[in-house]
Amino acid sequence: MPTLAEQIIPRRKLLLIGSETVIFSGLLLLGTSLPPLASRPVDFSQPWSEDLLRGALSCFTIAILCQACLSYNDLYDWKVSQNRAELPHRLMHSAGYALVMLAMVVFFLPWLFHFPGLANVGAETWKLIFLLALGFLAVYAWRFGFHWFFYKWNFGERVVVLGAGAQARSIAEMIHDRPVAGFEVFGLVGTPPPGAAPSAGGGPVPQHHRVLGPDTQLAQICREERISRVVVALEERRGQLPVAELLECRMQGVVVEEREAMYERIAGKIAIESLRPSYLIFGHGFGYRRGAAALKRAIDIVASAVGLLLASPIVALVVVLIRLDSRGPIFFRQPRVGQDGVTFDVLKFRTMRADAERHTGPVWARPNDDRVTRVGRLLRLTRIDEIPQMLNVLLGQMSFVGPRPERPFFVRELSREVPFYPLRLTVKPGITGWAQVNHHYGASVDDAVEKLRYDLYYIKNMSPLFDLNILLRTVGVVLFGKGAR
């Protein structure tokens, strides 16, 4: 089964992040400790001295700041980082953000950082900026070598897909398109369905779509080709599953897993179109843990209370702006469906005209919706309209992280049309969620289906670590206004 850690930071991405942390930290520590930039001598004979340890911690902190800027420019997205035309542009943006942030922090709060070779950090900020510029140039060069290495040597687990139909080709294509997960598709094993096209456009069949042989040769292929993992993606398993061959593969140390498990790992969502109830019943996850639920509730209470207190100046300003902008109430109350199907009133700052649905009834939100007021558009873009929902969290009707609560009308409609949709109601809805940070604003049945894939993945893998990951990603969504309507 896929582990949460593999989804948050896949192995290849973890290696890239770790190596770039070393580049930034090492360059800063050595650059500020050695001539010509060092303004005082550094004693390297005692590597565990307090002076060097404080310096290493300061360099590590700045490295994390730089990598946060890289992340918010999508430079830890494997496809973006491989794009040679896009890489320099995004690196320059990241470097600009990092250099400005560093210059401001070091200039105004120089006591936060300590560098063994710098006598006066505030007066020598230009040295740090110079070293960080070198650091981003080093990362630019490192990215080319890093990607070349993995593509040249196919450094990853070798995978074969058991099956040769549409599902097998689909999962093989998905694995091939996401090399950051650390898997290399060697081919398919099985009998192609009658009339299956060998390749698109009549060209050569790509390696990840090649049929290596029938399923009776599965164990032999795994042994001869040093296969590490078999992904079972048969269209029909009844009477077709090569049990003896799969058992022999397991005895050889080959990992055998279902298509759904691999799909979860590399996509971060659940494939509901091919989902079988047995996978939900017998698979890992979807378990209620009292300790985890109590911890989540305690965090919600503390975070919502502190959040409301800190946001009180913003709330006061928004109240005035809404009152000046349009007629109607300050707050917007709307029935939503919560845990176990219980209906509650969600609280938001009003962003639409007071009579927005008087003549239409419940309708999906639209891009550039003419019902949204001028102030409301700004509130939606910055997500400030969500602040009052912390009251819902404090009352226990919502959580900070969970599936977004939908209106009763849409829940009834989607429960009829979308398989497994009621499973969203088994946990408390959230202000933010895994679907919100991975998918744009839902405004149709198709969007609801896509969001359900992410919501089920979240429910299956709920944990405090996962919640923290979602909250950190939410910061990026808010800063760049992604998904707002």
Protein backbone atom coordinates (compact mmCIF):
# COMPACT_ATOMS: atom_id res chain seq x y z
CA MET A 1 0.00 0.00 0.00
CA PRO A 2 1.22 3.53 -0.66
CA THR A 3 2.51 5.36 2.37
CA LEU A 4 1.65 8.96 3.11
CA ALA A 5 5.33 9.95 3.17
CA GLU A 6 5.72 8.78 -0.44
CA GLN A 7 2.83 11.02 -1.49
CA ILE A 8 3.99 14.12 0.40
CA ILE A 9 7.60 13.83 -0.74
CA PRO A 10 8.30 11.12 -3.35
CA ARG A 11 11.74 9.57 -3.14
CA ARG A 12 13.23 11.34 -6.12
CA LYS A 13 11.84 14.69 -5.02
CA LEU A 14 13.16 14.08 -1.50
CA LEU A 15 16.63 13.46 -2.93
CA LEU A 16 16.43 16.68 -4.98
CA ILE A 17 15.25 18.73 -1.99
CA GLY A 18 17.93 17.26 0.29
CA SER A 19 20.73 17.84 -2.19
CA GLU A 20 19.71 21.46 -2.76
CA THR A 21 19.51 22.05 0.99
CA VAL A 22 23.13 20.90 1.17
CA ILE A 23 24.08 23.20 -1.73
CA PHE A 24 22.55 26.32 -0.16
CA SER A 25 23.65 25.56 3.40
CA GLY A 26 27.16 24.49 2.47
CA LEU A 27 27.78 27.44 0.17
CA LEU A 28 26.58 29.91 2.81
CA LEU A 29 28.57 28.36 5.66
CA LEU A 30 31.82 27.99 3.71
CA GLY A 31 31.43 31.31 1.88
CA THR A 32 30.99 33.29 5.09
CA SER A 33 33.73 31.37 6.94
CA LEU A 34 36.56 31.39 4.39
CA PRO A 35 38.48 34.19 2.62
CA PRO A 36 37.87 36.46 0.83
CA LEU A 37 34.37 37.08 2.31
CA ALA A 38 35.10 36.16 5.94
CA SER A 39 35.88 39.22 8.08
CA ARG A 40 37.21 37.23 11.04
CA PRO A 41 38.99 33.85 11.39
CA VAL A 42 36.97 30.69 12.03
CA ASP A 43 38.28 27.74 14.05
CA PHE A 44 37.37 24.56 12.13
CA SER A 45 39.38 22.34 14.49
CA GLN A 46 36.27 22.07 16.72
CA PRO A 47 33.39 21.29 14.33
CA TRP A 48 30.92 20.79 17.21
CA SER A 49 31.60 24.16 18.81
CA GLU A 50 28.64 26.41 19.60
CA ASP A 51 29.92 29.00 17.12
CA LEU A 52 29.87 26.61 14.15
CA LEU A 53 26.62 24.94 15.18
CA ARG A 54 24.82 28.29 15.38
CA GLY A 55 26.26 29.21 12.00
CA ALA A 56 25.13 25.91 10.47
CA LEU A 57 21.61 26.40 11.87
CA SER A 58 21.44 29.93 10.41
CA CYS A 59 22.58 28.67 7.00
CA PHE A 60 20.08 25.82 7.13
CA THR A 61 17.26 28.27 7.97
CA ILE A 62 18.14 30.48 4.99
CA ALA A 63 18.33 27.39 2.76
CA ILE A 64 14.77 26.42 3.78
CA LEU A 65 13.63 29.99 3.04
CA CYS A 66 15.14 29.75 -0.46
CA GLN A 67 13.60 26.35 -1.07
CA ALA A 68 10.19 27.63 0.04
CA CYS A 69 10.52 30.23 -2.74
CA LEU A 70 11.46 27.46 -5.19
CA SER A 71 8.44 25.44 -4.09
CA TYR A 72 6.00 28.33 -4.47
CA ASN A 73 7.28 28.79 -8.03
CA ASP A 74 6.50 25.08 -8.69
CA LEU A 75 10.18 24.20 -9.09
CA TYR A 76 9.71 20.97 -7.17
CA ASP A 77 7.12 19.93 -9.71
CA TRP A 78 9.07 17.41 -11.78
CA LYS A 79 7.69 18.45 -15.18
CA VAL A 80 8.25 22.15 -14.56
CA SER A 81 11.78 21.67 -13.26
CA GLN A 82 12.69 19.60 -16.35
CA ASN A 83 11.50 22.30 -18.75
CA ARG A 84 14.71 24.03 -19.82
CA ALA A 85 12.85 27.01 -21.24
CA GLU A 86 10.83 27.53 -18.05
CA LEU A 87 13.56 26.76 -15.50
CA PRO A 88 15.66 29.98 -15.79
CA HIS A 89 12.58 32.21 -15.66
CA ARG A 90 11.19 30.54 -12.52
CA LEU A 91 14.60 30.41 -10.87
CA MET A 92 15.03 34.15 -11.35
CA HIS A 93 11.62 34.76 -9.75
CA SER A 94 12.53 32.50 -6.83
CA ALA A 95 15.91 34.16 -6.38
CA GLY A 96 14.32 37.60 -6.40
CA TYR A 97 11.79 36.64 -3.72
CA ALA A 98 14.46 34.98 -1.58
CA LEU A 99 16.99 37.80 -1.87
CA VAL A 100 14.46 40.51 -0.99
CA MET A 101 13.13 38.51 1.97
CA LEU A 102 16.63 37.74 3.23
CA ALA A 103 17.84 41.34 2.88
CA MET A 104 14.86 42.65 4.84
CA VAL A 105 15.10 40.07 7.64
CA VAL A 106 18.87 40.38 8.07
CA PHE A 107 18.82 44.19 7.87
CA PHE A 108 16.00 44.71 10.36
CA LEU A 109 16.57 41.65 12.59
CA PRO A 110 20.29 40.84 12.31
CA TRP A 111 20.30 39.13 15.73
CA LEU A 112 18.26 36.25 14.30
CA PHE A 113 21.27 34.99 12.34
CA HIS A 114 24.82 34.14 13.30
CA PHE A 115 27.69 33.45 10.91
CA PRO A 116 31.10 32.46 12.35
CA GLY A 117 33.08 34.45 9.77
CA LEU A 118 31.03 37.66 9.74
CA ALA A 119 31.70 40.28 12.43
CA ASN A 120 28.64 42.42 11.63
CA VAL A 121 25.79 40.67 9.79
CA GLY A 122 23.77 43.86 9.29
CA ALA A 123 26.66 45.71 7.60
CA GLU A 124 27.73 42.66 5.57
CA THR A 125 24.33 41.66 4.18
CA TRP A 126 25.66 42.11 0.64
CA LYS A 127 27.91 39.08 1.19
CA LEU A 128 24.90 36.89 1.96
CA ILE A 129 23.08 38.19 -1.11
CA PHE A 130 26.12 37.49 -3.27
CA LEU A 131 26.42 33.94 -1.90
CA LEU A 132 22.73 33.25 -2.43
CA ALA A 133 23.00 34.43 -6.03
CA LEU A 134 25.83 31.90 -6.45
CA GLY A 135 23.62 29.33 -4.74
CA PHE A 136 20.82 29.77 -7.27
CA LEU A 137 23.34 29.51 -10.13
CA ALA A 138 24.66 26.30 -8.56
CA VAL A 139 21.09 24.95 -8.31
CA TYR A 140 20.53 25.79 -11.99
CA ALA A 141 23.59 23.74 -12.97
CA TRP A 142 22.74 20.97 -10.50
CA ARG A 143 19.25 20.54 -11.96
CA PHE A 144 20.69 19.68 -15.38
CA GLY A 145 23.02 17.07 -13.90
CA PHE A 146 20.34 15.64 -11.64
CA HIS A 147 17.80 15.08 -14.42
CA TRP A 148 20.44 13.82 -16.85
CA PHE A 149 21.56 11.21 -14.32
CA PHE A 150 18.07 9.79 -13.78
CA TYR A 151 17.20 9.71 -17.48
CA LYS A 152 20.60 8.33 -18.55
CA TRP A 153 20.68 5.48 -16.06
CA ASN A 154 16.95 4.91 -15.46
CA PHE A 155 17.58 5.10 -11.75
CA GLY A 156 14.38 3.74 -10.23
CA GLU A 157 12.32 0.64 -9.49
CA ARG A 158 11.64 -1.41 -12.59
CA VAL A 159 7.93 -2.12 -12.93
CA VAL A 160 5.86 -4.38 -15.15
CA VAL A 161 2.11 -4.04 -15.44
CA LEU A 162 0.09 -7.25 -15.44
CA GLY A 163 -2.50 -6.69 -18.13
CA ALA A 164 -2.57 -5.35 -21.67
CA GLY A 165 -5.94 -3.63 -21.85
CA ALA A 166 -7.02 -0.04 -21.41
CA GLN A 167 -6.53 0.02 -17.62
CA ALA A 168 -3.02 -1.42 -17.91
CA ARG A 169 -1.98 1.05 -20.57
CA SER A 170 -3.51 3.91 -18.61
CA ILE A 171 -1.56 3.16 -15.41
CA ALA A 172 1.62 2.53 -17.42
CA GLU A 173 1.23 5.93 -19.07
CA MET A 174 0.63 7.58 -15.69
CA ILE A 175 3.74 6.02 -14.15
CA HIS A 176 5.81 7.00 -17.19
CA ASP A 177 4.58 10.62 -17.01
CA ARG A 178 5.50 10.94 -13.31
CA PRO A 179 9.15 9.90 -13.05
CA VAL A 180 9.49 11.79 -9.77
CA ALA A 181 7.79 8.82 -8.07
CA GLY A 182 10.91 6.75 -8.81
CA PHE A 183 9.41 4.01 -11.01
CA GLU A 184 10.43 2.93 -14.52
CA VAL A 185 7.85 0.99 -16.55
CA PHE A 186 9.58 -1.88 -18.34
CA GLY A 187 6.47 -3.06 -20.18
CA LEU A 188 3.17 -4.95 -20.03
CA VAL A 189 2.60 -8.65 -19.42
CA GLY A 190 -0.57 -10.25 -20.74
CA THR A 191 -2.63 -10.76 -23.89
CA PRO A 192 -3.75 -7.62 -25.73
CA PRO A 193 -7.51 -7.40 -26.33
CA PRO A 194 -8.64 -8.13 -29.91
CA GLY A 195 -8.26 -5.15 -32.21
CA ALA A 196 -6.04 -3.19 -29.81
CA ALA A 197 -4.01 -0.57 -31.69
CA PRO A 198 -0.26 -1.20 -31.34
CA SER A 199 0.53 2.53 -31.13
CA ALA A 200 -0.92 5.93 -31.85
CA GLY A 201 -0.35 7.12 -35.39
CA GLY A 202 1.26 3.83 -36.47
CA GLY A 203 4.66 4.77 -35.03
CA PRO A 204 6.90 2.58 -32.87
CA VAL A 205 5.36 1.28 -29.67
CA PRO A 206 6.82 3.10 -26.63
CA GLN A 207 8.65 0.94 -24.10
CA HIS A 208 6.01 1.37 -21.41
CA HIS A 209 3.29 0.04 -23.79
CA ARG A 210 5.23 -2.96 -25.13
CA VAL A 211 3.79 -6.39 -24.36
CA LEU A 212 6.66 -8.53 -23.09
CA GLY A 213 4.82 -11.83 -23.13
CA PRO A 214 1.79 -13.73 -21.80
CA ASP A 215 1.02 -13.84 -18.09
CA THR A 216 2.32 -17.43 -17.93
CA GLN A 217 5.82 -15.95 -18.33
CA LEU A 218 5.41 -13.30 -15.62
CA ALA A 219 7.78 -14.87 -13.07
CA GLN A 220 10.41 -15.58 -15.74
CA ILE A 221 10.27 -11.98 -17.05
CA CYS A 222 10.60 -10.60 -13.51
CA ARG A 223 13.59 -12.84 -12.83
CA GLU A 224 15.44 -12.17 -16.08
CA GLU A 225 14.78 -8.42 -16.24
CA ARG A 226 15.35 -7.74 -12.51
CA ILE A 227 11.82 -6.40 -12.01
CA SER A 228 11.11 -4.96 -8.56
CA ARG A 229 7.34 -4.49 -8.70
CA VAL A 230 4.29 -5.93 -10.48
CA VAL A 231 1.17 -3.78 -10.81
CA VAL A 232 -1.99 -5.84 -11.37
CA ALA A 233 -4.28 -4.01 -13.83
CA LEU A 234 -6.46 -6.73 -15.37
CA GLU A 235 -9.77 -5.71 -16.93
CA GLU A 236 -11.42 -8.85 -15.56
CA ARG A 237 -9.88 -10.85 -12.71
CA ARG A 238 -12.41 -13.65 -12.34
CA GLY A 239 -10.71 -16.74 -13.73
CA GLN A 240 -7.93 -14.59 -15.27
CA LEU A 241 -5.62 -13.90 -12.33
CA PRO A 242 -2.34 -15.91 -12.66
CA VAL A 243 -2.17 -16.80 -8.97
CA ALA A 244 0.75 -19.26 -9.28
CA GLU A 245 2.86 -16.77 -11.24
CA LEU A 246 2.15 -13.94 -8.80
CA LEU A 247 2.98 -16.18 -5.84
CA GLU A 248 6.28 -17.13 -7.46
CA CYS A 249 7.05 -13.44 -7.97
CA ARG A 250 6.37 -12.78 -4.30
CA MET A 251 8.73 -15.60 -3.35
CA GLN A 252 11.41 -13.94 -5.50
CA GLY A 253 11.03 -10.74 -3.47
CA VAL A 254 9.00 -8.86 -6.09
CA VAL A 255 6.38 -6.46 -4.71
CA VAL A 256 2.89 -7.18 -6.05
CA GLU A 257 0.21 -4.50 -5.74
CA GLU A 258 -3.09 -3.50 -7.27
CA ARG A 259 -3.54 -0.79 -9.86
CA GLU A 260 -5.52 1.30 -7.38
CA ALA A 261 -2.62 1.36 -4.89
CA MET A 262 -0.14 2.55 -7.53
CA TYR A 263 -2.65 5.13 -8.78
CA GLU A 264 -2.99 6.50 -5.24
CA ARG A 265 0.76 6.72 -4.74
CA ILE A 266 1.60 8.65 -7.87
CA ALA A 267 -1.59 10.74 -8.28
CA GLY A 268 -2.51 11.48 -4.66
CA LYS A 269 -6.15 10.55 -5.29
CA ILE A 270 -8.36 7.49 -5.60
CA ALA A 271 -9.54 6.14 -8.96
CA ILE A 272 -13.26 5.96 -8.22
CA GLU A 273 -14.14 4.94 -11.80
CA SER A 274 -12.48 1.53 -11.28
CA LEU A 275 -12.87 1.33 -7.51
CA ARG A 276 -14.19 -1.89 -6.04
CA PRO A 277 -15.94 -1.93 -2.63
CA SER A 278 -13.59 -4.74 -1.54
CA TYR A 279 -10.62 -2.37 -1.91
CA LEU A 280 -12.24 0.05 0.54
CA ILE A 281 -13.28 -2.69 2.95
CA PHE A 282 -10.08 -4.74 3.09
CA GLY A 283 -7.51 -2.11 2.12
CA HIS A 284 -5.40 0.05 4.37
CA GLY A 285 -6.88 3.25 5.79
CA PHE A 286 -10.44 4.49 6.39
CA GLY A 287 -10.06 3.53 10.05
CA TYR A 288 -11.42 5.66 12.92
CA ARG A 289 -8.77 6.29 15.58
CA ARG A 290 -10.00 7.94 18.76
CA GLY A 291 -6.59 9.33 19.71
CA ALA A 292 -6.04 10.96 16.32
CA ALA A 293 -9.58 12.37 16.30
CA ALA A 294 -9.12 13.86 19.80
CA LEU A 295 -5.79 15.42 18.79
CA LYS A 296 -7.32 16.87 15.63
CA ARG A 297 -10.17 18.40 17.63
CA ALA A 298 -7.79 19.89 20.21
CA ILE A 299 -5.70 21.47 17.44
CA ASP A 300 -8.86 22.85 15.82
CA ILE A 301 -10.00 24.51 19.06
CA VAL A 302 -6.65 26.14 19.79
CA ALA A 303 -5.97 27.18 16.18
CA SER A 304 -9.44 28.66 15.61
CA ALA A 305 -9.35 30.62 18.88
CA VAL A 306 -5.89 32.02 18.14
CA GLY A 307 -6.79 32.63 14.50
CA LEU A 308 -9.90 34.64 15.35
CA LEU A 309 -7.93 36.73 17.82
CA LEU A 310 -5.15 37.50 15.32
CA ALA A 311 -7.63 38.17 12.50
CA SER A 312 -9.77 40.60 14.50
CA PRO A 313 -8.18 43.76 12.93
CA ILE A 314 -8.80 42.34 9.45
CA VAL A 315 -12.37 41.43 10.40
CA ALA A 316 -13.05 44.99 11.55
CA LEU A 317 -11.71 46.43 8.28
CA VAL A 318 -13.71 43.96 6.14
CA VAL A 319 -16.93 44.77 8.02
CA VAL A 320 -16.51 48.46 7.13
CA LEU A 321 -15.67 47.72 3.47
CA ILE A 322 -18.66 45.42 2.96
CA ARG A 323 -21.00 47.95 4.56
CA LEU A 324 -19.71 50.72 2.27
CA ASP A 325 -19.72 48.60 -0.90
CA SER A 326 -23.25 47.17 -1.05
CA ARG A 327 -26.50 46.75 0.81
CA GLY A 328 -27.17 43.64 2.82
CA PRO A 329 -25.87 41.74 5.82
CA ILE A 330 -22.17 41.60 6.68
CA PHE A 331 -22.13 37.87 7.16
CA PHE A 332 -23.52 35.24 4.85
CA ARG A 333 -25.18 32.16 6.35
CA GLN A 334 -25.86 29.16 4.16
CA PRO A 335 -26.96 25.59 4.97
CA ARG A 336 -24.22 23.03 4.36
CA VAL A 337 -24.03 19.30 4.96
CA GLY A 338 -21.52 18.23 7.61
CA GLN A 339 -20.36 15.00 9.20
CA ASP A 340 -22.90 12.14 9.09
CA GLY A 341 -25.23 14.24 6.94
CA VAL A 342 -26.01 16.77 9.68
CA THR A 343 -26.92 20.19 8.24
CA PHE A 344 -25.42 23.36 9.73
CA ASP A 345 -25.12 27.02 8.74
CA VAL A 346 -21.68 27.92 7.41
CA LEU A 347 -20.50 31.47 8.08
CA LYS A 348 -18.71 33.65 5.54
CA PHE A 349 -18.29 37.30 4.77
CA ARG A 350 -20.89 38.19 2.16
CA THR A 351 -19.26 38.42 -1.28
CA MET A 352 -22.37 38.44 -3.52
CA ARG A 353 -25.38 40.68 -3.85
CA ALA A 354 -27.98 40.04 -1.17
CA ASP A 355 -30.49 38.83 -3.84
CA ALA A 356 -27.97 36.73 -5.82
CA GLU A 357 -30.13 33.55 -5.97
CA ARG A 358 -33.60 34.99 -5.57
CA HIS A 359 -34.63 34.13 -9.14
CA THR A 360 -32.28 31.24 -9.99
CA GLY A 361 -32.18 29.10 -6.86
CA PRO A 362 -28.99 27.14 -6.05
CA VAL A 363 -26.52 27.27 -8.95
CA TRP A 364 -22.79 26.53 -9.30
CA ALA A 365 -20.42 29.49 -9.06
CA ARG A 366 -19.07 30.72 -12.41
CA PRO A 367 -15.82 32.37 -13.53
CA ASN A 368 -16.22 36.17 -13.41
CA ASP A 369 -19.58 35.72 -11.69
CA ASP A 370 -21.57 38.96 -12.07
CA ARG A 371 -23.28 38.32 -8.72
CA VAL A 372 -19.99 38.98 -6.87
CA THR A 373 -19.51 42.50 -5.48
CA ARG A 374 -16.33 44.55 -5.89
CA VAL A 375 -15.18 43.95 -2.33
CA GLY A 376 -16.38 40.36 -2.58
CA ARG A 377 -14.07 39.70 -5.51
CA LEU A 378 -11.09 40.81 -3.45
CA LEU A 379 -12.23 38.77 -0.45
CA ARG A 380 -12.58 35.64 -2.60
CA LEU A 381 -9.23 36.15 -4.27
CA THR A 382 -7.45 36.42 -0.91
CA ARG A 383 -9.74 33.84 0.79
CA ILE A 384 -10.46 36.37 3.56
CA ASP A 385 -14.17 35.57 3.15
CA GLU A 386 -13.42 32.19 4.80
CA ILE A 387 -12.27 33.72 8.13
CA PRO A 388 -15.71 33.54 9.85
CA GLN A 389 -15.69 29.76 9.31
CA MET A 390 -13.26 29.55 12.21
CA LEU A 391 -16.38 30.06 14.35
CA ASN A 392 -17.80 26.90 12.77
CA VAL A 393 -14.56 25.15 13.66
CA LEU A 394 -14.73 26.40 17.25
CA LEU A 395 -18.34 25.12 17.52
CA GLY A 396 -17.28 21.68 16.30
CA GLN A 397 -19.26 21.80 13.04
CA MET A 398 -16.11 21.93 10.88
CA SER A 399 -12.39 21.26 11.05
CA PHE A 400 -9.52 23.27 9.60
CA VAL A 401 -8.73 20.44 7.18
CA GLY A 402 -11.29 18.19 5.50
CA PRO A 403 -13.58 17.95 2.45
CA ARG A 404 -15.32 21.22 1.66
CA PRO A 405 -18.96 21.21 2.87
CA GLU A 406 -21.53 21.30 0.07
CA ARG A 407 -25.09 22.58 0.05
CA PRO A 408 -27.89 20.04 0.68
CA PHE A 409 -29.28 20.49 -2.84
CA PHE A 410 -25.94 19.57 -4.46
CA VAL A 411 -25.27 16.74 -1.99
CA ARG A 412 -28.56 15.07 -2.95
CA GLU A 413 -27.82 15.55 -6.64
CA LEU A 414 -24.22 14.31 -6.45
CA SER A 415 -25.10 11.34 -4.22
CA ARG A 416 -27.37 10.09 -7.01
CA GLU A 417 -24.88 10.66 -9.82
CA VAL A 418 -21.43 10.01 -8.30
CA PRO A 419 -20.43 6.61 -6.87
CA PHE A 420 -19.12 6.64 -3.27
CA TYR A 421 -19.98 10.35 -2.86
CA PRO A 422 -21.63 9.85 0.59
CA LEU A 423 -18.24 8.69 1.95
CA ARG A 424 -17.26 12.38 2.10
CA LEU A 425 -19.74 12.78 4.93
CA THR A 426 -17.95 10.35 7.25
CA VAL A 427 -15.58 13.10 8.50
CA LYS A 428 -15.98 16.74 9.45
CA PRO A 429 -15.79 19.17 6.51
CA GLY A 430 -12.89 21.62 6.44
CA ILE A 431 -12.01 25.20 5.61
CA THR A 432 -9.28 23.82 3.37
CA GLY A 433 -8.59 20.32 2.11
CA TRP A 434 -6.54 18.03 -0.12
CA ALA A 435 -8.91 18.66 -3.03
CA GLN A 436 -8.69 22.45 -2.60
CA VAL A 437 -4.88 22.52 -2.87
CA ASN A 438 -4.79 20.14 -5.85
CA HIS A 439 -7.84 21.07 -7.90
CA HIS A 440 -9.46 24.32 -8.95
CA TYR A 441 -12.76 25.61 -7.63
CA GLY A 442 -15.48 22.98 -8.22
CA ALA A 443 -18.34 24.27 -10.37
CA SER A 444 -19.82 21.20 -12.08
CA VAL A 445 -20.53 17.51 -11.60
CA ASP A 446 -17.24 16.65 -13.34
CA ASP A 447 -15.37 18.90 -10.91
CA ALA A 448 -17.17 17.25 -8.01
CA VAL A 449 -16.06 13.82 -9.24
CA GLU A 450 -12.44 14.96 -9.50
CA LYS A 451 -12.55 16.54 -6.04
CA LEU A 452 -14.06 13.34 -4.64
CA ARG A 453 -10.96 11.42 -5.78
CA TYR A 454 -8.83 13.72 -3.62
CA ASP A 455 -11.29 13.78 -0.72
CA LEU A 456 -11.39 9.99 -0.49
CA TYR A 457 -7.62 9.88 -0.56
CA TYR A 458 -7.54 12.33 2.35
CA ILE A 459 -10.13 10.38 4.36
CA LYS A 460 -8.19 7.17 3.71
CA ASN A 461 -4.88 8.66 4.89
CA MET A 462 -5.94 11.18 7.57
CA SER A 463 -3.16 12.10 10.00
CA PRO A 464 -1.75 15.21 11.73
CA LEU A 465 1.25 15.14 9.35
CA PHE A 466 -1.06 15.09 6.34
CA ASP A 467 -3.06 18.01 7.77
CA LEU A 468 0.15 20.00 8.26
CA ASN A 469 1.16 19.33 4.65
CA ILE A 470 -2.24 20.57 3.42
CA LEU A 471 -2.06 23.72 5.55
CA LEU A 472 1.41 24.55 4.19
CA ARG A 473 0.18 24.08 0.63
CA THR A 474 -2.83 26.25 1.39
CA VAL A 475 -0.48 29.13 2.18
CA GLY A 476 0.86 28.87 -1.38
CA VAL A 477 -2.66 28.73 -2.84
CA VAL A 478 -3.66 31.87 -0.91
CA LEU A 479 -0.47 33.77 -1.78
CA PHE A 480 -0.85 33.14 -5.51
CA GLY A 481 -4.66 33.28 -5.68
CA LYS A 482 -4.99 29.83 -7.28
CA GLY A 483 -8.47 28.46 -7.69
CA ALA A 484 -10.37 31.56 -6.55
CA ARG A 485 -13.65 32.62 -8.12
